[in-house]
């Protein structure tokens, strides 16, 4: 696995702006679920990452995330994107005694449900993302918790006139 986010070598100093930029880059990577190969998309996660989702209340473990990615990429047309600035705070330490980074990210998801009369399914909410340094001194996503509101517009869109 390549170091994607941030190398925390002790001899290098990073400003808060550098750390924030690296975390923003990792969030952009997270929202590239439909555009990156799944093996590349996984690079942003730690090996013990868990994604908690209302459809998967027990969480998706790291070894399940590639399947999650592939299932989502097979669902088209669909869009999953960040919908506003991240809210970042630093609180606590990891098992390696390094800072834990906590981020709230607003998002929107939309999908045309072909099996449901081409109705529009909309899902919006927040992704809570916890990032921590791993054993290779790279900051990776350790946990995602998805909070969402759902809406479905159960009608067929009229043809454009």
N, C-alpha and C. Protein backbone atom coordinates (compact mmCIF):
# COMPACT_ATOMS: atom_id res chain seq x y z
N UNK A 1 0.83 -1.17 0.00
CA UNK A 1 0.00 0.00 0.00
C UNK A 1 0.88 1.25 0.00
N UNK A 2 0.62 2.18 -0.87
CA UNK A 2 1.43 3.39 -0.91
C UNK A 2 0.98 4.37 0.17
N UNK A 3 1.89 5.25 0.57
CA UNK A 3 1.54 6.32 1.51
C UNK A 3 0.82 7.39 0.72
N UNK A 4 -0.44 7.58 0.99
CA UNK A 4 -1.23 8.52 0.20
C UNK A 4 -1.30 9.90 0.83
N UNK A 5 -1.46 9.98 2.13
CA UNK A 5 -1.82 11.25 2.74
C UNK A 5 -0.63 12.07 3.19
N UNK A 6 0.00 11.69 4.27
CA UNK A 6 0.98 12.56 4.88
C UNK A 6 2.05 11.74 5.57
N UNK A 7 3.29 11.96 5.22
CA UNK A 7 4.41 11.31 5.88
C UNK A 7 4.76 12.13 7.11
N UNK A 8 4.77 11.49 8.27
CA UNK A 8 4.99 12.20 9.52
C UNK A 8 6.40 11.99 10.05
N UNK A 9 7.39 12.06 9.20
CA UNK A 9 8.77 11.90 9.65
C UNK A 9 9.08 12.94 10.72
N UNK A 10 9.74 12.50 11.78
CA UNK A 10 10.00 13.37 12.93
C UNK A 10 10.87 14.57 12.56
N UNK A 11 11.70 14.45 11.53
CA UNK A 11 12.59 15.55 11.19
C UNK A 11 11.91 16.60 10.29
N UNK A 12 10.66 16.37 9.92
CA UNK A 12 9.95 17.33 9.09
C UNK A 12 8.88 18.02 9.91
N UNK A 13 8.69 19.30 9.67
CA UNK A 13 7.66 20.08 10.35
C UNK A 13 6.58 20.42 9.33
N UNK A 14 5.34 20.27 9.72
CA UNK A 14 4.22 20.60 8.86
C UNK A 14 3.38 21.67 9.53
N UNK A 15 3.00 22.67 8.78
CA UNK A 15 2.11 23.69 9.32
C UNK A 15 0.70 23.13 9.37
N UNK A 16 -0.16 23.82 10.13
CA UNK A 16 -1.56 23.42 10.17
C UNK A 16 -2.17 23.45 8.78
N UNK A 17 -1.76 24.43 7.96
CA UNK A 17 -2.28 24.52 6.59
C UNK A 17 -1.88 23.30 5.77
N UNK A 18 -0.64 22.80 5.94
CA UNK A 18 -0.19 21.61 5.22
C UNK A 18 -1.02 20.39 5.61
N UNK A 19 -1.23 20.22 6.92
CA UNK A 19 -2.01 19.08 7.40
C UNK A 19 -3.44 19.18 6.89
N UNK A 20 -4.03 20.37 6.99
CA UNK A 20 -5.39 20.56 6.50
C UNK A 20 -5.49 20.25 5.02
N UNK A 21 -4.54 20.70 4.22
CA UNK A 21 -4.54 20.43 2.78
C UNK A 21 -4.45 18.93 2.51
N UNK A 22 -3.59 18.23 3.24
CA UNK A 22 -3.45 16.79 3.05
C UNK A 22 -4.74 16.06 3.41
N UNK A 23 -5.39 16.50 4.48
CA UNK A 23 -6.66 15.88 4.88
C UNK A 23 -7.74 16.19 3.84
N UNK A 24 -7.79 17.42 3.34
CA UNK A 24 -8.74 17.76 2.28
C UNK A 24 -8.51 16.89 1.05
N UNK A 25 -7.25 16.63 0.71
CA UNK A 25 -6.95 15.75 -0.43
C UNK A 25 -7.48 14.34 -0.19
N UNK A 26 -7.36 13.85 1.05
CA UNK A 26 -7.85 12.51 1.34
C UNK A 26 -9.37 12.45 1.24
N UNK A 27 -10.05 13.53 1.62
CA UNK A 27 -11.51 13.58 1.52
C UNK A 27 -11.91 13.60 0.04
N UNK A 28 -11.20 14.35 -0.78
CA UNK A 28 -11.45 14.34 -2.22
C UNK A 28 -11.30 12.92 -2.76
N UNK A 29 -10.27 12.22 -2.31
CA UNK A 29 -10.03 10.83 -2.72
C UNK A 29 -11.20 9.95 -2.31
N UNK A 30 -11.70 10.13 -1.09
CA UNK A 30 -12.84 9.36 -0.59
C UNK A 30 -14.04 9.53 -1.51
N UNK A 31 -14.29 10.76 -1.95
CA UNK A 31 -15.45 11.04 -2.80
C UNK A 31 -15.21 10.71 -4.27
N UNK A 32 -14.09 10.10 -4.58
CA UNK A 32 -13.80 9.64 -5.95
C UNK A 32 -14.24 8.20 -6.15
N UNK A 33 -15.19 7.76 -5.34
CA UNK A 33 -15.66 6.38 -5.35
C UNK A 33 -16.06 5.90 -6.74
N UNK A 34 -16.67 6.76 -7.55
CA UNK A 34 -17.14 6.33 -8.87
C UNK A 34 -16.13 6.60 -9.98
N UNK A 35 -15.02 7.24 -9.68
CA UNK A 35 -14.11 7.62 -10.75
C UNK A 35 -12.74 6.96 -10.68
N UNK A 36 -12.36 6.42 -9.55
CA UNK A 36 -11.05 5.76 -9.41
C UNK A 36 -11.22 4.25 -9.45
N UNK A 37 -10.21 3.53 -9.93
CA UNK A 37 -10.24 2.08 -9.76
C UNK A 37 -10.34 1.75 -8.27
N UNK A 38 -11.11 0.73 -7.93
CA UNK A 38 -11.35 0.42 -6.52
C UNK A 38 -10.06 0.14 -5.75
N UNK A 39 -9.08 -0.50 -6.39
CA UNK A 39 -7.82 -0.76 -5.69
C UNK A 39 -7.11 0.55 -5.34
N UNK A 40 -7.23 1.56 -6.18
CA UNK A 40 -6.64 2.86 -5.88
C UNK A 40 -7.46 3.61 -4.83
N UNK A 41 -8.78 3.50 -4.90
CA UNK A 41 -9.65 4.15 -3.93
C UNK A 41 -9.34 3.66 -2.51
N UNK A 42 -9.00 2.38 -2.37
CA UNK A 42 -8.70 1.81 -1.05
C UNK A 42 -7.45 2.39 -0.41
N UNK A 43 -6.56 2.99 -1.19
CA UNK A 43 -5.29 3.49 -0.65
C UNK A 43 -5.44 4.53 0.44
N UNK A 44 -6.57 5.18 0.52
CA UNK A 44 -6.77 6.23 1.51
C UNK A 44 -7.13 5.67 2.90
N UNK A 45 -7.45 4.38 2.97
CA UNK A 45 -7.90 3.76 4.22
C UNK A 45 -6.77 3.03 4.94
N UNK A 46 -6.86 3.01 6.27
CA UNK A 46 -5.95 2.16 7.05
C UNK A 46 -6.41 0.71 6.90
N UNK A 47 -5.54 -0.22 7.22
CA UNK A 47 -5.87 -1.64 7.07
C UNK A 47 -6.94 -2.11 8.05
N UNK A 48 -7.18 -1.35 9.11
CA UNK A 48 -8.24 -1.72 10.06
C UNK A 48 -9.41 -0.74 10.00
N UNK A 49 -9.57 -0.07 8.87
CA UNK A 49 -10.65 0.90 8.70
C UNK A 49 -12.02 0.21 8.75
N UNK A 50 -13.01 0.98 9.20
CA UNK A 50 -14.40 0.53 9.23
C UNK A 50 -15.27 1.66 8.70
N UNK A 51 -16.21 1.32 7.83
CA UNK A 51 -17.18 2.29 7.31
C UNK A 51 -18.54 1.88 7.86
N UNK A 52 -19.10 2.71 8.74
CA UNK A 52 -20.43 2.47 9.29
C UNK A 52 -21.45 3.19 8.43
N UNK A 53 -22.47 2.47 8.02
CA UNK A 53 -23.47 2.97 7.09
C UNK A 53 -24.82 2.43 7.56
N UNK A 54 -25.89 3.21 7.46
CA UNK A 54 -27.19 2.70 7.90
C UNK A 54 -27.60 1.38 7.25
N UNK A 55 -27.16 1.13 6.02
CA UNK A 55 -27.46 -0.17 5.38
C UNK A 55 -26.56 -1.28 5.91
N UNK A 56 -25.46 -0.91 6.55
CA UNK A 56 -24.49 -1.87 7.10
C UNK A 56 -24.18 -1.47 8.54
N UNK A 57 -25.15 -1.65 9.46
CA UNK A 57 -24.98 -1.15 10.83
C UNK A 57 -23.81 -1.77 11.59
N UNK A 58 -23.38 -2.95 11.20
CA UNK A 58 -22.21 -3.56 11.85
C UNK A 58 -20.90 -3.04 11.28
N UNK A 59 -21.00 -2.24 10.25
CA UNK A 59 -19.82 -1.66 9.63
C UNK A 59 -19.23 -2.55 8.55
N UNK A 60 -18.62 -1.92 7.58
CA UNK A 60 -17.87 -2.61 6.54
C UNK A 60 -16.40 -2.55 6.92
N UNK A 61 -15.79 -3.70 7.10
CA UNK A 61 -14.38 -3.77 7.45
C UNK A 61 -13.55 -3.49 6.20
N UNK A 62 -12.28 -3.19 6.40
CA UNK A 62 -11.38 -2.88 5.28
C UNK A 62 -11.48 -3.92 4.17
N UNK A 63 -11.49 -5.21 4.55
CA UNK A 63 -11.51 -6.26 3.52
C UNK A 63 -12.84 -6.33 2.78
N UNK A 64 -13.86 -5.58 3.20
CA UNK A 64 -15.14 -5.53 2.51
C UNK A 64 -15.29 -4.26 1.66
N UNK A 65 -14.39 -3.31 1.84
CA UNK A 65 -14.54 -2.02 1.16
C UNK A 65 -14.34 -2.11 -0.35
N UNK A 66 -13.50 -3.02 -0.81
CA UNK A 66 -13.33 -3.15 -2.26
C UNK A 66 -14.63 -3.64 -2.90
N UNK A 67 -15.29 -4.62 -2.27
CA UNK A 67 -16.59 -5.08 -2.78
C UNK A 67 -17.61 -3.95 -2.75
N UNK A 68 -17.61 -3.17 -1.67
CA UNK A 68 -18.50 -2.01 -1.55
C UNK A 68 -18.26 -1.05 -2.71
N UNK A 69 -17.00 -0.79 -3.01
CA UNK A 69 -16.64 0.09 -4.13
C UNK A 69 -17.15 -0.48 -5.45
N UNK A 70 -16.91 -1.76 -5.68
CA UNK A 70 -17.31 -2.38 -6.95
C UNK A 70 -18.83 -2.37 -7.13
N UNK A 71 -19.56 -2.64 -6.05
CA UNK A 71 -21.03 -2.61 -6.11
C UNK A 71 -21.51 -1.20 -6.45
N UNK A 72 -20.91 -0.20 -5.80
CA UNK A 72 -21.30 1.19 -6.07
C UNK A 72 -20.95 1.60 -7.49
N UNK A 73 -19.79 1.18 -7.98
CA UNK A 73 -19.41 1.56 -9.34
C UNK A 73 -20.31 0.90 -10.39
N UNK A 74 -20.93 -0.22 -10.04
CA UNK A 74 -21.85 -0.88 -10.97
C UNK A 74 -23.21 -0.19 -10.99
N UNK A 75 -23.47 0.69 -10.03
CA UNK A 75 -24.74 1.41 -9.93
C UNK A 75 -24.62 2.72 -10.69
N UNK A 76 -25.19 2.77 -11.88
CA UNK A 76 -25.11 3.98 -12.70
C UNK A 76 -26.46 4.23 -13.35
N UNK A 77 -26.82 5.43 -13.62
CA UNK A 77 -26.07 6.64 -13.30
C UNK A 77 -26.22 7.01 -11.83
N UNK A 78 -25.13 7.47 -11.25
CA UNK A 78 -25.11 7.88 -9.84
C UNK A 78 -24.00 8.91 -9.64
N UNK A 79 -24.16 9.72 -8.61
CA UNK A 79 -23.16 10.72 -8.27
C UNK A 79 -23.04 10.82 -6.76
N UNK A 80 -21.82 10.81 -6.26
CA UNK A 80 -21.51 10.94 -4.83
C UNK A 80 -20.47 12.03 -4.74
N UNK A 81 -20.81 13.15 -4.09
CA UNK A 81 -19.82 14.23 -4.06
C UNK A 81 -19.91 15.01 -2.76
N UNK A 82 -18.80 15.63 -2.45
CA UNK A 82 -18.72 16.53 -1.31
C UNK A 82 -19.59 17.73 -1.61
N UNK A 83 -20.32 18.23 -0.61
CA UNK A 83 -21.26 19.31 -0.83
C UNK A 83 -21.03 20.45 0.16
N UNK A 84 -19.78 20.85 0.33
CA UNK A 84 -19.44 21.94 1.23
C UNK A 84 -18.08 21.71 1.85
N UNK A 85 -17.64 22.69 2.62
CA UNK A 85 -16.31 22.60 3.24
C UNK A 85 -16.30 21.58 4.38
N UNK A 86 -15.12 21.02 4.61
CA UNK A 86 -14.95 20.11 5.73
C UNK A 86 -14.89 20.90 7.03
N UNK A 87 -15.27 20.25 8.10
CA UNK A 87 -15.13 20.79 9.46
C UNK A 87 -14.14 19.88 10.16
N UNK A 88 -12.96 20.41 10.47
CA UNK A 88 -11.85 19.62 11.00
C UNK A 88 -11.57 20.00 12.44
N UNK A 89 -11.35 18.99 13.27
CA UNK A 89 -10.87 19.21 14.63
C UNK A 89 -9.85 18.13 14.96
N UNK A 90 -8.95 18.45 15.86
CA UNK A 90 -7.94 17.49 16.32
C UNK A 90 -8.25 17.22 17.78
N UNK A 91 -8.45 15.95 18.11
CA UNK A 91 -8.79 15.60 19.49
C UNK A 91 -8.38 14.17 19.75
N UNK A 92 -7.68 13.95 20.83
CA UNK A 92 -7.28 12.61 21.21
C UNK A 92 -6.04 12.15 20.49
N UNK A 93 -5.62 10.95 20.82
CA UNK A 93 -4.44 10.36 20.19
C UNK A 93 -4.74 8.92 19.81
N UNK A 94 -4.02 8.46 18.81
CA UNK A 94 -4.15 7.09 18.34
C UNK A 94 -3.37 6.15 19.25
N UNK A 95 -3.41 4.87 18.94
CA UNK A 95 -2.63 3.89 19.70
C UNK A 95 -1.13 4.14 19.55
N UNK A 96 -0.74 4.91 18.54
CA UNK A 96 0.67 5.26 18.34
C UNK A 96 1.00 6.61 19.00
N UNK A 97 0.07 7.12 19.81
CA UNK A 97 0.22 8.41 20.51
C UNK A 97 0.39 9.59 19.56
N UNK A 98 -0.19 9.49 18.39
CA UNK A 98 -0.20 10.58 17.41
C UNK A 98 -1.62 11.16 17.35
N UNK A 99 -1.76 12.40 16.89
CA UNK A 99 -3.08 13.05 16.89
C UNK A 99 -4.12 12.30 16.06
N UNK A 100 -5.36 12.35 16.53
CA UNK A 100 -6.50 11.89 15.76
C UNK A 100 -7.16 13.12 15.13
N UNK A 101 -7.48 13.01 13.86
CA UNK A 101 -8.13 14.09 13.13
C UNK A 101 -9.57 13.67 12.88
N UNK A 102 -10.51 14.56 13.21
CA UNK A 102 -11.93 14.29 13.05
C UNK A 102 -12.50 15.30 12.06
N UNK A 103 -13.24 14.81 11.08
CA UNK A 103 -13.76 15.67 10.02
C UNK A 103 -15.24 15.36 9.80
N UNK A 104 -16.03 16.41 9.68
CA UNK A 104 -17.42 16.28 9.23
C UNK A 104 -17.47 16.85 7.82
N UNK A 105 -18.05 16.07 6.91
CA UNK A 105 -18.09 16.47 5.50
C UNK A 105 -19.52 16.35 4.99
N UNK A 106 -20.13 17.46 4.55
CA UNK A 106 -21.45 17.36 3.94
C UNK A 106 -21.32 16.73 2.55
N UNK A 107 -22.33 15.93 2.18
CA UNK A 107 -22.28 15.28 0.86
C UNK A 107 -23.69 15.19 0.29
N UNK A 108 -23.74 14.89 -0.99
CA UNK A 108 -24.99 14.58 -1.67
C UNK A 108 -24.74 13.38 -2.58
N UNK A 109 -25.74 12.53 -2.66
CA UNK A 109 -25.71 11.36 -3.54
C UNK A 109 -27.00 11.38 -4.34
N UNK A 110 -26.89 11.13 -5.61
CA UNK A 110 -28.08 11.04 -6.45
C UNK A 110 -27.96 9.86 -7.39
N UNK A 111 -29.10 9.24 -7.67
CA UNK A 111 -29.11 8.07 -8.54
C UNK A 111 -30.45 8.01 -9.26
N UNK A 112 -30.41 7.72 -10.55
CA UNK A 112 -31.62 7.41 -11.30
C UNK A 112 -31.86 5.91 -11.12
N UNK A 113 -33.00 5.56 -10.55
CA UNK A 113 -33.31 4.15 -10.30
C UNK A 113 -34.04 3.58 -11.50
N UNK A 114 -33.28 2.96 -12.38
CA UNK A 114 -33.85 2.42 -13.62
C UNK A 114 -34.90 1.35 -13.36
N UNK A 115 -34.74 0.59 -12.30
CA UNK A 115 -35.71 -0.45 -11.98
C UNK A 115 -36.95 0.08 -11.30
N UNK A 116 -37.01 1.38 -11.07
CA UNK A 116 -38.15 1.98 -10.38
C UNK A 116 -38.68 3.14 -11.22
N UNK A 117 -39.02 2.86 -12.46
CA UNK A 117 -39.59 3.86 -13.38
C UNK A 117 -38.70 5.10 -13.53
N UNK A 118 -37.40 4.89 -13.49
CA UNK A 118 -36.45 6.00 -13.64
C UNK A 118 -36.66 7.11 -12.62
N UNK A 119 -37.09 6.75 -11.41
CA UNK A 119 -37.27 7.77 -10.38
C UNK A 119 -35.91 8.22 -9.86
N UNK A 120 -35.89 9.42 -9.30
CA UNK A 120 -34.67 9.99 -8.77
C UNK A 120 -34.58 9.69 -7.28
N UNK A 121 -33.49 9.09 -6.87
CA UNK A 121 -33.22 8.82 -5.47
C UNK A 121 -32.16 9.80 -5.00
N UNK A 122 -32.44 10.53 -3.92
CA UNK A 122 -31.50 11.51 -3.39
C UNK A 122 -31.17 11.15 -1.96
N UNK A 123 -29.91 11.23 -1.65
CA UNK A 123 -29.41 10.92 -0.31
C UNK A 123 -28.41 12.02 0.02
N UNK A 124 -28.66 12.75 1.09
CA UNK A 124 -27.71 13.78 1.50
C UNK A 124 -27.47 13.66 2.99
N UNK A 125 -26.36 14.18 3.43
CA UNK A 125 -26.06 14.11 4.84
C UNK A 125 -24.62 14.47 5.11
N UNK A 126 -24.04 13.77 6.07
CA UNK A 126 -22.66 14.02 6.48
C UNK A 126 -21.89 12.71 6.56
N UNK A 127 -20.64 12.79 6.21
CA UNK A 127 -19.69 11.72 6.48
C UNK A 127 -18.83 12.20 7.64
N UNK A 128 -18.83 11.45 8.73
CA UNK A 128 -17.86 11.69 9.80
C UNK A 128 -16.65 10.84 9.45
N UNK A 129 -15.49 11.45 9.41
CA UNK A 129 -14.27 10.73 9.02
C UNK A 129 -13.23 10.93 10.12
N UNK A 130 -12.70 9.81 10.61
CA UNK A 130 -11.60 9.86 11.57
C UNK A 130 -10.34 9.43 10.85
N UNK A 131 -9.30 10.23 10.96
CA UNK A 131 -8.02 9.93 10.33
C UNK A 131 -6.97 9.79 11.42
N UNK A 132 -6.03 8.88 11.21
CA UNK A 132 -4.95 8.66 12.18
C UNK A 132 -3.71 8.20 11.44
N UNK A 133 -2.57 8.41 12.06
CA UNK A 133 -1.31 7.93 11.48
C UNK A 133 -1.25 6.42 11.63
N UNK A 134 -0.72 5.76 10.60
CA UNK A 134 -0.55 4.30 10.67
C UNK A 134 0.89 3.95 11.04
N UNK A 135 1.20 2.66 11.01
CA UNK A 135 2.53 2.19 11.39
C UNK A 135 3.62 2.68 10.44
N UNK A 136 3.23 3.15 9.26
CA UNK A 136 4.19 3.69 8.29
C UNK A 136 4.25 5.21 8.34
N UNK A 137 3.66 5.79 9.37
CA UNK A 137 3.64 7.24 9.56
C UNK A 137 2.91 7.99 8.45
N UNK A 138 1.89 7.38 7.89
CA UNK A 138 1.03 8.06 6.93
C UNK A 138 -0.34 8.21 7.57
N UNK A 139 -0.97 9.36 7.37
CA UNK A 139 -2.32 9.55 7.90
C UNK A 139 -3.30 8.93 6.92
N UNK A 140 -4.15 8.06 7.44
CA UNK A 140 -5.15 7.37 6.62
C UNK A 140 -6.50 7.44 7.30
N UNK A 141 -7.53 7.20 6.53
CA UNK A 141 -8.88 7.15 7.09
C UNK A 141 -9.02 5.86 7.89
N UNK A 142 -9.40 6.03 9.14
CA UNK A 142 -9.55 4.89 10.04
C UNK A 142 -11.02 4.53 10.24
N UNK A 143 -11.89 5.53 10.13
CA UNK A 143 -13.31 5.27 10.38
C UNK A 143 -14.14 6.27 9.60
N UNK A 144 -15.25 5.77 9.04
CA UNK A 144 -16.24 6.62 8.39
C UNK A 144 -17.59 6.24 8.99
N UNK A 145 -18.37 7.25 9.36
CA UNK A 145 -19.74 7.03 9.81
C UNK A 145 -20.62 7.91 8.94
N UNK A 146 -21.57 7.28 8.25
CA UNK A 146 -22.43 8.03 7.33
C UNK A 146 -23.77 8.32 7.99
N UNK A 147 -24.15 9.59 7.95
CA UNK A 147 -25.44 10.05 8.44
C UNK A 147 -26.18 10.61 7.23
N UNK A 148 -27.42 10.17 7.00
CA UNK A 148 -28.09 10.71 5.83
C UNK A 148 -29.59 10.84 6.00
N UNK A 149 -30.15 11.66 5.12
CA UNK A 149 -31.59 11.81 4.94
C UNK A 149 -31.87 11.28 3.54
N UNK A 150 -32.98 10.61 3.40
CA UNK A 150 -33.31 10.04 2.09
C UNK A 150 -34.58 10.67 1.55
N UNK A 151 -34.61 10.80 0.26
CA UNK A 151 -35.81 11.26 -0.43
C UNK A 151 -35.86 10.56 -1.78
N UNK A 152 -37.03 10.21 -2.19
CA UNK A 152 -37.20 9.61 -3.50
C UNK A 152 -38.33 10.35 -4.19
N UNK A 153 -38.12 10.68 -5.42
CA UNK A 153 -39.16 11.35 -6.20
C UNK A 153 -39.75 10.28 -7.11
N UNK A 154 -40.86 9.67 -6.67
CA UNK A 154 -41.38 8.48 -7.36
C UNK A 154 -42.26 8.81 -8.56
N UNK A 155 -41.68 9.45 -9.52
CA UNK A 155 -42.42 9.70 -10.75
C UNK A 155 -41.45 9.67 -11.91
N UNK A 156 -41.99 9.48 -13.07
CA UNK A 156 -41.19 9.46 -14.28
C UNK A 156 -41.02 10.90 -14.75
N UNK A 157 -39.78 11.26 -15.04
CA UNK A 157 -39.51 12.60 -15.54
C UNK A 157 -40.10 12.75 -16.94
N UNK A 158 -40.80 13.86 -17.20
CA UNK A 158 -41.35 14.05 -18.55
C UNK A 158 -40.22 14.29 -19.54
N UNK A 159 -40.47 13.91 -20.79
CA UNK A 159 -39.50 14.19 -21.84
C UNK A 159 -39.35 15.69 -22.00
N UNK A 160 -38.14 16.12 -22.34
CA UNK A 160 -37.92 17.54 -22.61
C UNK A 160 -38.66 17.94 -23.87
N UNK A 161 -39.35 19.05 -23.80
CA UNK A 161 -40.09 19.54 -24.97
C UNK A 161 -39.35 20.67 -25.62
